[in-house]
N, C-alpha and C. Protein backbone atom coordinates (compact mmCIF):
# COMPACT_ATOMS: atom_id res chain seq x y z
N MET A 1 0.85 -1.20 0.00
CA MET A 1 0.00 0.00 0.00
C MET A 1 0.88 1.25 0.00
N PRO A 2 0.55 2.23 -0.81
CA PRO A 2 1.37 3.45 -0.91
C PRO A 2 1.11 4.42 0.23
N THR A 3 1.43 3.99 1.46
CA THR A 3 1.13 4.84 2.63
C THR A 3 1.93 6.13 2.63
N LYS A 4 3.06 6.14 1.93
CA LYS A 4 3.88 7.37 1.93
C LYS A 4 3.18 8.48 1.17
N HIS A 5 2.12 8.14 0.39
CA HIS A 5 1.40 9.15 -0.38
C HIS A 5 0.13 9.64 0.32
N ILE A 6 -0.03 9.27 1.60
CA ILE A 6 -1.20 9.75 2.35
C ILE A 6 -1.12 11.27 2.47
N ASP A 7 -2.26 11.94 2.23
CA ASP A 7 -2.27 13.40 2.29
C ASP A 7 -2.06 13.88 3.73
N ASP A 8 -1.67 15.14 3.83
CA ASP A 8 -1.30 15.71 5.13
C ASP A 8 -2.45 15.63 6.14
N ALA A 9 -3.68 15.91 5.70
CA ALA A 9 -4.82 15.93 6.62
C ALA A 9 -5.05 14.54 7.21
N THR A 10 -4.98 13.50 6.36
CA THR A 10 -5.17 12.12 6.83
C THR A 10 -4.02 11.71 7.73
N ALA A 11 -2.80 12.12 7.35
CA ALA A 11 -1.63 11.80 8.17
C ALA A 11 -1.77 12.41 9.56
N ALA A 12 -2.32 13.61 9.62
CA ALA A 12 -2.51 14.29 10.91
C ALA A 12 -3.53 13.54 11.76
N GLN A 13 -4.58 13.02 11.10
CA GLN A 13 -5.59 12.24 11.84
C GLN A 13 -4.99 10.95 12.39
N LEU A 14 -4.13 10.33 11.58
CA LEU A 14 -3.46 9.11 12.04
C LEU A 14 -2.53 9.40 13.22
N TYR A 15 -1.86 10.54 13.15
CA TYR A 15 -0.97 10.94 14.25
C TYR A 15 -1.79 11.14 15.54
N ASP A 16 -2.93 11.83 15.41
CA ASP A 16 -3.80 12.05 16.58
C ASP A 16 -4.30 10.72 17.14
N LEU A 17 -4.61 9.78 16.24
CA LEU A 17 -5.06 8.46 16.68
C LEU A 17 -3.94 7.74 17.43
N ASN A 18 -2.73 7.88 16.92
CA ASN A 18 -1.57 7.27 17.58
C ASN A 18 -1.43 7.82 19.00
N VAL A 19 -1.58 9.11 19.15
CA VAL A 19 -1.48 9.74 20.47
C VAL A 19 -2.57 9.18 21.39
N ARG A 20 -3.79 9.04 20.87
CA ARG A 20 -4.89 8.49 21.68
C ARG A 20 -4.57 7.06 22.13
N CYS A 21 -4.02 6.28 21.19
CA CYS A 21 -3.68 4.89 21.51
C CYS A 21 -2.64 4.82 22.63
N VAL A 22 -1.62 5.66 22.52
CA VAL A 22 -0.55 5.68 23.54
C VAL A 22 -1.12 6.13 24.88
N THR A 23 -1.96 7.15 24.84
CA THR A 23 -2.55 7.68 26.07
C THR A 23 -3.42 6.63 26.76
N LEU A 24 -4.24 5.93 25.96
CA LEU A 24 -5.17 4.94 26.53
C LEU A 24 -4.44 3.69 27.03
N THR A 25 -3.44 3.24 26.29
CA THR A 25 -2.74 2.00 26.66
C THR A 25 -1.59 2.24 27.63
N GLN A 26 -1.16 3.51 27.72
CA GLN A 26 -0.05 3.87 28.60
C GLN A 26 1.24 3.11 28.26
N GLN A 27 1.41 2.88 26.93
CA GLN A 27 2.66 2.26 26.46
C GLN A 27 2.84 2.61 25.00
N PRO A 28 4.09 2.49 24.50
CA PRO A 28 4.36 2.82 23.10
C PRO A 28 3.53 1.94 22.15
N VAL A 29 3.03 2.55 21.05
CA VAL A 29 2.25 1.83 20.04
C VAL A 29 2.89 2.09 18.68
N LYS A 30 3.18 1.04 17.94
CA LYS A 30 3.80 1.20 16.62
C LYS A 30 2.82 1.85 15.63
N GLU A 31 3.35 2.67 14.75
CA GLU A 31 2.52 3.34 13.75
C GLU A 31 1.78 2.35 12.87
N VAL A 32 2.43 1.24 12.55
CA VAL A 32 1.80 0.24 11.69
C VAL A 32 0.58 -0.38 12.36
N GLU A 33 0.63 -0.50 13.70
CA GLU A 33 -0.53 -1.03 14.43
C GLU A 33 -1.69 -0.05 14.39
N VAL A 34 -1.36 1.22 14.49
CA VAL A 34 -2.39 2.26 14.42
C VAL A 34 -3.02 2.27 13.02
N LEU A 35 -2.18 2.17 12.01
CA LEU A 35 -2.67 2.15 10.63
C LEU A 35 -3.55 0.93 10.39
N ARG A 36 -3.13 -0.22 10.91
CA ARG A 36 -3.92 -1.46 10.76
C ARG A 36 -5.28 -1.30 11.44
N LEU A 37 -5.29 -0.71 12.63
CA LEU A 37 -6.53 -0.48 13.36
C LEU A 37 -7.48 0.43 12.56
N ALA A 38 -6.92 1.51 12.03
CA ALA A 38 -7.73 2.46 11.26
C ALA A 38 -8.32 1.79 10.02
N LEU A 39 -7.50 0.99 9.34
CA LEU A 39 -7.96 0.31 8.12
C LEU A 39 -9.03 -0.72 8.45
N MET A 40 -8.80 -1.54 9.47
CA MET A 40 -9.76 -2.58 9.83
C MET A 40 -11.10 -1.97 10.22
N LYS A 41 -11.03 -0.90 11.00
CA LYS A 41 -12.26 -0.26 11.47
C LYS A 41 -12.97 0.46 10.32
N GLY A 42 -12.19 1.05 9.42
CA GLY A 42 -12.78 1.83 8.33
C GLY A 42 -13.30 0.98 7.19
N ILE A 43 -12.57 -0.07 6.82
CA ILE A 43 -12.94 -0.88 5.66
C ILE A 43 -14.34 -1.46 5.79
N VAL A 44 -14.68 -1.96 6.98
CA VAL A 44 -16.00 -2.58 7.14
C VAL A 44 -17.14 -1.58 7.02
N ASN A 45 -16.81 -0.30 7.16
CA ASN A 45 -17.85 0.73 7.09
C ASN A 45 -17.95 1.40 5.72
N ILE A 46 -17.10 1.00 4.78
CA ILE A 46 -17.13 1.61 3.45
C ILE A 46 -18.20 0.94 2.59
N SER A 47 -19.16 1.73 2.13
CA SER A 47 -20.25 1.20 1.30
C SER A 47 -19.94 1.39 -0.18
N ASP A 48 -20.72 0.74 -1.03
CA ASP A 48 -20.59 0.95 -2.47
C ASP A 48 -20.81 2.42 -2.81
N ASP A 49 -21.74 3.04 -2.09
CA ASP A 49 -22.02 4.46 -2.31
C ASP A 49 -20.79 5.31 -2.03
N ASP A 50 -20.05 4.99 -0.96
CA ASP A 50 -18.82 5.71 -0.63
C ASP A 50 -17.81 5.61 -1.77
N ILE A 51 -17.67 4.40 -2.31
CA ILE A 51 -16.69 4.17 -3.39
C ILE A 51 -17.08 4.93 -4.65
N LEU A 52 -18.34 4.80 -5.06
CA LEU A 52 -18.79 5.43 -6.29
C LEU A 52 -18.83 6.96 -6.17
N ALA A 53 -19.08 7.45 -4.97
CA ALA A 53 -19.16 8.90 -4.75
C ALA A 53 -17.78 9.54 -4.65
N THR A 54 -16.75 8.73 -4.41
CA THR A 54 -15.41 9.28 -4.16
C THR A 54 -14.44 9.07 -5.31
N LEU A 55 -14.49 7.89 -5.92
CA LEU A 55 -13.51 7.54 -6.95
C LEU A 55 -14.00 7.86 -8.36
N SER A 56 -13.07 7.85 -9.30
CA SER A 56 -13.43 8.01 -10.71
C SER A 56 -14.21 6.78 -11.16
N VAL A 57 -15.30 6.99 -11.89
CA VAL A 57 -16.19 5.88 -12.27
C VAL A 57 -16.43 5.90 -13.78
N LYS A 58 -16.35 4.72 -14.41
CA LYS A 58 -16.63 4.61 -15.83
C LYS A 58 -18.10 4.93 -16.11
N ASP A 59 -18.34 5.57 -17.24
CA ASP A 59 -19.71 5.93 -17.62
C ASP A 59 -20.59 4.68 -17.72
N SER A 60 -20.02 3.58 -18.16
CA SER A 60 -20.79 2.35 -18.34
C SER A 60 -21.33 1.83 -17.00
N VAL A 61 -20.64 2.17 -15.90
CA VAL A 61 -21.10 1.74 -14.58
C VAL A 61 -22.42 2.43 -14.24
N TRP A 62 -22.47 3.75 -14.49
CA TRP A 62 -23.70 4.50 -14.23
C TRP A 62 -24.83 3.98 -15.11
N GLN A 63 -24.50 3.65 -16.36
CA GLN A 63 -25.51 3.13 -17.29
C GLN A 63 -26.06 1.80 -16.78
N ARG A 64 -25.19 0.93 -16.31
CA ARG A 64 -25.62 -0.38 -15.80
C ARG A 64 -26.49 -0.21 -14.55
N LEU A 65 -26.10 0.68 -13.67
CA LEU A 65 -26.88 0.93 -12.46
C LEU A 65 -28.25 1.50 -12.80
N ALA A 66 -28.29 2.41 -13.77
CA ALA A 66 -29.56 3.00 -14.21
C ALA A 66 -30.49 1.93 -14.78
N GLU A 67 -29.93 1.02 -15.55
CA GLU A 67 -30.73 -0.06 -16.14
C GLU A 67 -31.27 -1.00 -15.05
N THR A 68 -30.45 -1.26 -14.04
CA THR A 68 -30.89 -2.10 -12.93
C THR A 68 -32.04 -1.43 -12.18
N ILE A 69 -31.89 -0.14 -11.91
CA ILE A 69 -32.92 0.61 -11.20
C ILE A 69 -34.21 0.65 -12.01
N TRP A 70 -34.08 0.85 -13.33
CA TRP A 70 -35.27 0.89 -14.19
C TRP A 70 -35.99 -0.46 -14.17
N THR A 71 -35.24 -1.53 -14.18
CA THR A 71 -35.83 -2.87 -14.13
C THR A 71 -36.58 -3.07 -12.81
N GLU A 72 -35.96 -2.64 -11.72
CA GLU A 72 -36.60 -2.77 -10.40
C GLU A 72 -37.89 -1.94 -10.34
N LEU A 73 -37.85 -0.75 -10.93
CA LEU A 73 -39.03 0.12 -10.93
C LEU A 73 -40.16 -0.46 -11.75
N THR A 74 -39.84 -0.91 -12.95
CA THR A 74 -40.89 -1.37 -13.87
C THR A 74 -41.47 -2.73 -13.48
N GLN A 75 -40.85 -3.38 -12.52
CA GLN A 75 -41.46 -4.60 -11.97
C GLN A 75 -42.63 -4.24 -11.05
N ARG A 76 -42.63 -2.99 -10.57
CA ARG A 76 -43.65 -2.56 -9.61
C ARG A 76 -44.51 -1.41 -10.09
N TRP A 77 -44.09 -0.76 -11.19
CA TRP A 77 -44.78 0.45 -11.64
C TRP A 77 -44.73 0.50 -13.17
N PRO A 78 -45.84 0.80 -13.86
CA PRO A 78 -45.83 0.84 -15.33
C PRO A 78 -44.87 1.91 -15.87
N GLU A 79 -44.15 1.58 -16.94
CA GLU A 79 -43.18 2.52 -17.53
C GLU A 79 -43.81 3.87 -17.83
N GLU A 80 -44.99 3.85 -18.45
CA GLU A 80 -45.64 5.11 -18.86
C GLU A 80 -46.03 5.98 -17.68
N ALA A 81 -46.13 5.39 -16.51
CA ALA A 81 -46.52 6.16 -15.33
C ALA A 81 -45.31 6.65 -14.53
N ILE A 82 -44.10 6.36 -15.01
CA ILE A 82 -42.89 6.86 -14.36
C ILE A 82 -42.50 8.17 -15.06
N THR A 83 -42.79 9.28 -14.43
CA THR A 83 -42.55 10.58 -15.04
C THR A 83 -41.40 11.30 -14.36
N THR A 84 -40.98 12.38 -14.99
CA THR A 84 -39.90 13.20 -14.42
C THR A 84 -40.26 13.72 -13.04
N VAL A 85 -41.55 13.90 -12.80
CA VAL A 85 -42.01 14.46 -11.52
C VAL A 85 -41.86 13.44 -10.39
N HIS A 86 -42.16 12.16 -10.68
CA HIS A 86 -42.23 11.16 -9.62
C HIS A 86 -41.11 10.13 -9.63
N CYS A 87 -40.22 10.19 -10.60
CA CYS A 87 -39.22 9.13 -10.77
C CYS A 87 -38.39 8.89 -9.51
N GLU A 88 -37.83 9.93 -8.94
CA GLU A 88 -36.96 9.75 -7.77
C GLU A 88 -37.74 9.24 -6.56
N THR A 89 -38.96 9.71 -6.40
CA THR A 89 -39.79 9.25 -5.29
C THR A 89 -40.08 7.76 -5.43
N LEU A 90 -40.42 7.35 -6.64
CA LEU A 90 -40.70 5.94 -6.90
C LEU A 90 -39.44 5.09 -6.72
N ALA A 91 -38.31 5.61 -7.20
CA ALA A 91 -37.05 4.87 -7.05
C ALA A 91 -36.71 4.68 -5.58
N GLY A 92 -36.94 5.71 -4.78
CA GLY A 92 -36.68 5.62 -3.35
C GLY A 92 -37.56 4.60 -2.66
N GLU A 93 -38.74 4.36 -3.24
CA GLU A 93 -39.68 3.41 -2.63
C GLU A 93 -39.50 1.98 -3.14
N PHE A 94 -39.20 1.84 -4.45
CA PHE A 94 -39.24 0.52 -5.06
C PHE A 94 -37.90 -0.05 -5.53
N SER A 95 -36.86 0.77 -5.60
CA SER A 95 -35.58 0.29 -6.10
C SER A 95 -34.56 0.12 -4.97
N GLU A 96 -34.19 -1.11 -4.70
CA GLU A 96 -33.20 -1.38 -3.66
C GLU A 96 -31.84 -0.79 -4.06
N THR A 97 -31.54 -0.84 -5.35
CA THR A 97 -30.26 -0.29 -5.83
C THR A 97 -30.19 1.21 -5.58
N TRP A 98 -31.25 1.93 -5.91
CA TRP A 98 -31.29 3.39 -5.68
C TRP A 98 -31.14 3.69 -4.20
N GLN A 99 -31.81 2.92 -3.35
CA GLN A 99 -31.75 3.15 -1.90
C GLN A 99 -30.34 2.99 -1.36
N GLN A 100 -29.53 2.14 -1.99
CA GLN A 100 -28.17 1.88 -1.52
C GLN A 100 -27.17 2.92 -2.00
N LEU A 101 -27.60 3.85 -2.88
CA LEU A 101 -26.69 4.86 -3.43
C LEU A 101 -27.26 6.26 -3.20
N PRO A 102 -27.32 6.70 -1.94
CA PRO A 102 -27.99 7.97 -1.62
C PRO A 102 -27.19 9.24 -1.85
N SER A 103 -25.90 9.13 -2.12
CA SER A 103 -25.09 10.36 -2.25
C SER A 103 -25.52 11.17 -3.46
N GLY A 104 -25.28 12.46 -3.38
CA GLY A 104 -25.65 13.36 -4.47
C GLY A 104 -24.99 13.00 -5.79
N ARG A 105 -23.73 12.62 -5.75
CA ARG A 105 -23.02 12.30 -6.99
C ARG A 105 -23.65 11.09 -7.67
N CYS A 106 -23.96 10.06 -6.89
CA CYS A 106 -24.54 8.84 -7.46
C CYS A 106 -25.93 9.10 -8.03
N SER A 107 -26.80 9.73 -7.24
CA SER A 107 -28.16 9.97 -7.71
C SER A 107 -28.18 10.87 -8.93
N SER A 108 -27.29 11.86 -8.97
CA SER A 108 -27.22 12.77 -10.12
C SER A 108 -26.78 12.04 -11.38
N ALA A 109 -25.75 11.20 -11.27
CA ALA A 109 -25.24 10.46 -12.43
C ALA A 109 -26.26 9.46 -12.94
N ILE A 110 -26.95 8.80 -12.04
CA ILE A 110 -27.96 7.81 -12.44
C ILE A 110 -29.17 8.50 -13.03
N ARG A 111 -29.58 9.61 -12.43
CA ARG A 111 -30.73 10.37 -12.94
C ARG A 111 -30.49 10.81 -14.38
N GLU A 112 -29.26 11.21 -14.67
CA GLU A 112 -28.90 11.62 -16.03
C GLU A 112 -29.09 10.47 -17.02
N LYS A 113 -28.73 9.26 -16.60
CA LYS A 113 -28.87 8.08 -17.47
C LYS A 113 -30.33 7.66 -17.63
N LEU A 114 -31.17 8.01 -16.67
CA LEU A 114 -32.58 7.64 -16.74
C LEU A 114 -33.42 8.63 -17.56
N GLU A 115 -32.85 9.80 -17.87
CA GLU A 115 -33.63 10.85 -18.53
C GLU A 115 -34.29 10.39 -19.82
N SER A 116 -33.59 9.57 -20.60
CA SER A 116 -34.15 9.14 -21.88
C SER A 116 -35.30 8.14 -21.71
N ARG A 117 -35.42 7.54 -20.55
CA ARG A 117 -36.48 6.55 -20.30
C ARG A 117 -37.71 7.16 -19.65
N VAL A 118 -37.49 8.17 -18.82
CA VAL A 118 -38.58 8.77 -18.06
C VAL A 118 -39.41 9.68 -18.96
N SER A 119 -40.73 9.61 -18.83
CA SER A 119 -41.61 10.41 -19.68
C SER A 119 -42.02 11.70 -18.98
N GLU A 120 -42.41 12.67 -19.78
CA GLU A 120 -42.98 13.89 -19.24
C GLU A 120 -44.42 13.62 -18.85
N PRO A 121 -44.93 14.26 -17.80
CA PRO A 121 -46.32 14.02 -17.39
C PRO A 121 -47.29 14.40 -18.51
N LEU A 122 -48.33 13.57 -18.67
CA LEU A 122 -49.39 13.90 -19.63
C LEU A 122 -50.18 15.07 -19.07
N SER A 123 -50.64 15.95 -19.96
CA SER A 123 -51.32 17.16 -19.51
C SER A 123 -52.82 16.93 -19.34
N LEU A 124 -53.33 17.30 -18.18
CA LEU A 124 -54.78 17.25 -17.94
C LEU A 124 -55.34 18.64 -17.72
N PHE A 125 -54.50 19.53 -17.22
CA PHE A 125 -54.96 20.86 -16.89
C PHE A 125 -54.47 21.88 -17.91
N ASN A 126 -55.08 23.05 -17.88
CA ASN A 126 -54.72 24.12 -18.82
C ASN A 126 -53.31 24.63 -18.53
N LEU A 127 -52.57 24.93 -19.58
CA LEU A 127 -51.27 25.57 -19.43
C LEU A 127 -51.47 27.07 -19.56
N THR A 128 -50.95 27.82 -18.63
CA THR A 128 -51.12 29.28 -18.65
C THR A 128 -50.06 29.92 -19.53
N GLU A 129 -50.48 30.64 -20.53
CA GLU A 129 -49.55 31.34 -21.42
C GLU A 129 -48.93 32.52 -20.68
N GLU A 130 -47.72 32.89 -21.08
CA GLU A 130 -47.02 33.99 -20.42
C GLU A 130 -47.76 35.32 -20.58
N ASP A 131 -48.45 35.49 -21.74
CA ASP A 131 -49.13 36.77 -22.00
C ASP A 131 -50.60 36.74 -21.58
N ALA A 132 -51.02 35.73 -20.80
CA ALA A 132 -52.40 35.63 -20.36
C ALA A 132 -52.71 36.75 -19.37
N THR A 133 -53.94 37.24 -19.44
CA THR A 133 -54.37 38.29 -18.51
C THR A 133 -54.74 37.66 -17.18
N ASP A 134 -54.90 38.51 -16.16
CA ASP A 134 -55.33 38.03 -14.85
C ASP A 134 -56.67 37.32 -14.94
N GLU A 135 -57.54 37.85 -15.80
CA GLU A 135 -58.87 37.24 -15.96
C GLU A 135 -58.76 35.85 -16.59
N ASP A 136 -57.85 35.73 -17.58
CA ASP A 136 -57.62 34.42 -18.22
C ASP A 136 -57.14 33.41 -17.19
N ILE A 137 -56.23 33.84 -16.34
CA ILE A 137 -55.65 32.96 -15.32
C ILE A 137 -56.73 32.53 -14.33
N ARG A 138 -57.59 33.49 -13.91
CA ARG A 138 -58.67 33.16 -12.97
C ARG A 138 -59.65 32.16 -13.59
N ASP A 139 -60.01 32.41 -14.86
CA ASP A 139 -60.94 31.52 -15.55
C ASP A 139 -60.36 30.11 -15.67
N ALA A 140 -59.07 30.05 -16.01
CA ALA A 140 -58.41 28.74 -16.15
C ALA A 140 -58.36 28.01 -14.81
N ALA A 141 -58.09 28.75 -13.74
CA ALA A 141 -58.03 28.16 -12.40
C ALA A 141 -59.40 27.61 -11.99
N GLU A 142 -60.46 28.36 -12.33
CA GLU A 142 -61.81 27.90 -12.00
C GLU A 142 -62.16 26.64 -12.77
N ARG A 143 -61.81 26.61 -14.05
CA ARG A 143 -62.08 25.42 -14.86
C ARG A 143 -61.30 24.22 -14.33
N ASP A 144 -60.05 24.46 -13.93
CA ASP A 144 -59.23 23.37 -13.42
C ASP A 144 -59.76 22.85 -12.08
N THR A 145 -60.32 23.73 -11.26
CA THR A 145 -60.90 23.30 -9.99
C THR A 145 -62.07 22.36 -10.23
N VAL A 146 -62.93 22.72 -11.19
CA VAL A 146 -64.07 21.88 -11.55
C VAL A 146 -63.58 20.55 -12.11
N ARG A 147 -62.57 20.62 -12.99
CA ARG A 147 -62.05 19.40 -13.60
C ARG A 147 -61.41 18.47 -12.56
N GLU A 148 -60.73 19.05 -11.59
CA GLU A 148 -60.09 18.21 -10.59
C GLU A 148 -61.11 17.39 -9.83
N VAL A 149 -62.26 17.99 -9.54
CA VAL A 149 -63.33 17.24 -8.86
C VAL A 149 -63.77 16.09 -9.76
N GLU A 150 -63.92 16.36 -11.05
CA GLU A 150 -64.34 15.32 -12.00
C GLU A 150 -63.27 14.23 -12.11
N TYR A 151 -62.01 14.65 -12.17
CA TYR A 151 -60.92 13.68 -12.32
C TYR A 151 -60.82 12.76 -11.12
N ARG A 152 -60.92 13.34 -9.92
CA ARG A 152 -60.84 12.51 -8.72
C ARG A 152 -62.02 11.54 -8.65
N ALA A 153 -63.18 12.00 -9.09
CA ALA A 153 -64.37 11.14 -9.09
C ALA A 153 -64.22 9.99 -10.09
N ALA A 154 -63.37 10.18 -11.10
CA ALA A 154 -63.17 9.15 -12.13
C ALA A 154 -62.18 8.08 -11.71
N LEU A 155 -61.39 8.35 -10.67
CA LEU A 155 -60.36 7.41 -10.25
C LEU A 155 -60.88 6.00 -9.90
N PRO A 156 -61.99 5.88 -9.16
CA PRO A 156 -62.45 4.54 -8.79
C PRO A 156 -62.73 3.63 -10.00
N ALA A 157 -63.04 4.21 -11.15
CA ALA A 157 -63.31 3.41 -12.35
C ALA A 157 -62.05 2.70 -12.85
N LEU A 158 -60.88 3.11 -12.35
CA LEU A 158 -59.62 2.50 -12.77
C LEU A 158 -59.25 1.30 -11.89
N HIS A 159 -59.97 1.14 -10.77
CA HIS A 159 -59.64 0.11 -9.80
C HIS A 159 -59.76 -1.29 -10.40
N ASN A 160 -58.72 -2.10 -10.18
CA ASN A 160 -58.65 -3.49 -10.66
C ASN A 160 -58.62 -3.62 -12.18
N ARG A 161 -58.23 -2.55 -12.87
CA ARG A 161 -58.09 -2.62 -14.33
C ARG A 161 -56.64 -2.85 -14.69
N GLN A 162 -56.40 -3.52 -15.81
CA GLN A 162 -55.04 -3.70 -16.31
C GLN A 162 -54.57 -2.38 -16.92
N PHE A 163 -53.34 -2.02 -16.63
CA PHE A 163 -52.82 -0.73 -17.08
C PHE A 163 -52.87 -0.60 -18.60
N SER A 164 -52.62 -1.69 -19.32
CA SER A 164 -52.59 -1.64 -20.78
C SER A 164 -53.95 -1.30 -21.38
N THR A 165 -55.03 -1.47 -20.61
CA THR A 165 -56.37 -1.19 -21.14
C THR A 165 -56.80 0.27 -20.93
N LEU A 166 -56.00 1.03 -20.19
CA LEU A 166 -56.37 2.41 -19.90
C LEU A 166 -56.18 3.30 -21.13
N SER A 167 -57.05 4.28 -21.26
CA SER A 167 -56.89 5.29 -22.31
C SER A 167 -55.79 6.25 -21.92
N GLN A 168 -55.36 7.09 -22.85
CA GLN A 168 -54.33 8.09 -22.53
C GLN A 168 -54.79 9.00 -21.40
N HIS A 169 -56.08 9.37 -21.43
CA HIS A 169 -56.63 10.22 -20.38
C HIS A 169 -56.56 9.52 -19.02
N GLU A 170 -56.89 8.24 -18.99
CA GLU A 170 -56.86 7.49 -17.75
C GLU A 170 -55.42 7.31 -17.25
N LYS A 171 -54.49 7.12 -18.17
CA LYS A 171 -53.08 7.02 -17.78
C LYS A 171 -52.59 8.34 -17.20
N ALA A 172 -53.10 9.44 -17.76
CA ALA A 172 -52.74 10.75 -17.23
C ALA A 172 -53.28 10.92 -15.81
N LEU A 173 -54.48 10.38 -15.57
CA LEU A 173 -55.03 10.42 -14.21
C LEU A 173 -54.13 9.66 -13.23
N VAL A 174 -53.67 8.50 -13.67
CA VAL A 174 -52.78 7.69 -12.83
C VAL A 174 -51.50 8.46 -12.52
N GLN A 175 -50.95 9.14 -13.53
CA GLN A 175 -49.73 9.93 -13.31
C GLN A 175 -49.99 11.06 -12.32
N LEU A 176 -51.10 11.76 -12.53
CA LEU A 176 -51.39 12.94 -11.72
C LEU A 176 -51.67 12.57 -10.27
N TYR A 177 -52.38 11.48 -10.07
CA TYR A 177 -52.76 11.08 -8.72
C TYR A 177 -52.01 9.82 -8.30
N SER A 178 -50.72 9.82 -8.51
CA SER A 178 -49.90 8.64 -8.20
C SER A 178 -49.91 8.30 -6.71
N ASP A 179 -50.26 9.28 -5.87
CA ASP A 179 -50.33 9.02 -4.43
C ASP A 179 -51.62 8.30 -4.05
N ARG A 180 -52.53 8.14 -5.01
CA ARG A 180 -53.81 7.48 -4.74
C ARG A 180 -53.93 6.12 -5.42
N VAL A 181 -52.86 5.69 -6.07
CA VAL A 181 -52.89 4.39 -6.76
C VAL A 181 -51.66 3.56 -6.40
N SER A 182 -51.79 2.26 -6.62
CA SER A 182 -50.66 1.35 -6.52
C SER A 182 -50.83 0.31 -7.62
N PHE A 183 -49.79 -0.50 -7.84
CA PHE A 183 -49.83 -1.46 -8.94
C PHE A 183 -49.38 -2.82 -8.48
N THR A 184 -49.93 -3.84 -9.11
CA THR A 184 -49.55 -5.22 -8.82
C THR A 184 -49.37 -5.97 -10.13
N PRO A 185 -48.17 -6.54 -10.37
CA PRO A 185 -47.97 -7.34 -11.59
C PRO A 185 -48.98 -8.49 -11.62
N ASP A 186 -49.60 -8.74 -12.80
CA ASP A 186 -50.60 -9.79 -12.88
C ASP A 186 -50.02 -11.15 -13.25
N GLY A 187 -48.69 -11.21 -13.45
CA GLY A 187 -48.05 -12.47 -13.78
C GLY A 187 -48.14 -12.84 -15.24
N ALA A 188 -48.81 -11.99 -16.02
CA ALA A 188 -48.98 -12.28 -17.46
C ALA A 188 -48.45 -11.14 -18.32
N GLY A 189 -47.55 -10.35 -17.74
CA GLY A 189 -46.94 -9.26 -18.49
C GLY A 189 -47.63 -7.93 -18.38
N ASP A 190 -48.71 -7.87 -17.61
CA ASP A 190 -49.41 -6.60 -17.44
C ASP A 190 -49.40 -6.23 -15.96
N ILE A 191 -49.92 -5.04 -15.64
CA ILE A 191 -49.94 -4.56 -14.27
C ILE A 191 -51.36 -4.11 -13.93
N VAL A 192 -51.86 -4.54 -12.78
CA VAL A 192 -53.22 -4.20 -12.34
C VAL A 192 -53.18 -2.95 -11.48
N VAL A 193 -54.09 -2.02 -11.78
CA VAL A 193 -54.18 -0.76 -11.04
C VAL A 193 -55.04 -0.97 -9.80
N SER A 194 -54.58 -0.47 -8.66
CA SER A 194 -55.38 -0.47 -7.43
C SER A 194 -55.51 0.97 -6.96
N VAL A 195 -56.73 1.39 -6.71
CA VAL A 195 -56.98 2.74 -6.20
C VAL A 195 -57.12 2.65 -4.68
N THR A 196 -56.51 3.59 -3.97
CA THR A 196 -56.52 3.53 -2.51
C THR A 196 -57.95 3.56 -1.95
N GLU A 197 -58.10 3.01 -0.78
CA GLU A 197 -59.41 2.97 -0.13
C GLU A 197 -59.98 4.37 0.04
N ALA A 198 -59.10 5.32 0.39
CA ALA A 198 -59.54 6.70 0.60
C ALA A 198 -60.12 7.28 -0.67
N ALA A 199 -59.46 7.03 -1.81
CA ALA A 199 -59.96 7.55 -3.08
C ALA A 199 -61.28 6.87 -3.47
N LEU A 200 -61.40 5.58 -3.16
CA LEU A 200 -62.65 4.87 -3.45
C LEU A 200 -63.80 5.42 -2.60
N GLN A 201 -63.50 5.75 -1.34
CA GLN A 201 -64.52 6.28 -0.44
C GLN A 201 -65.04 7.62 -0.90
N MET A 202 -64.15 8.40 -1.53
CA MET A 202 -64.54 9.75 -1.97
C MET A 202 -65.66 9.72 -3.00
N SER A 203 -65.77 8.61 -3.74
CA SER A 203 -66.76 8.53 -4.81
C SER A 203 -68.11 8.04 -4.31
N VAL A 204 -68.10 7.53 -3.05
CA VAL A 204 -69.35 6.98 -2.51
C VAL A 204 -70.29 8.08 -2.06
């Protein structure tokens, strides 16, 4: 091991550790013993996330990790319902690989690789133009309020349906109200939509 190339800050920490060892044991302690102690204690605590977040990493590694995460996600959630808005939340819930790589560098690199797979949310509500008047904005907000009531009331009709049978509008509902639905693979290549009990109760 190239211990002579240890940076000054780490060398200072090792020196302080040596002093602690001598103080506690009340006898001389060899530097190599201190180094062995530090390595043994540190190695067991080093995670894959620590390695990937610290060292230089091949681009293909990020690509492979992204593909693994996508596979884990799509086993539990339909591809079309994984949008830019909810991707990280879903990954945090359903991907064991994503959960094991929480550092900013790892999540950022993997997110970049997932961009081509993740879809933009389907539009259900009005988009406000930059040159719209205050009255236009108020009218659009009122229409959207009415529509939201209608959309939420339509959710129970999706319960126990196969995702592949949903219309684009229904898929957009699933995207928009992802906190009110869950999915279960049917074992035949499709995914069954389940609407939460709370959302079902709202329609009664």
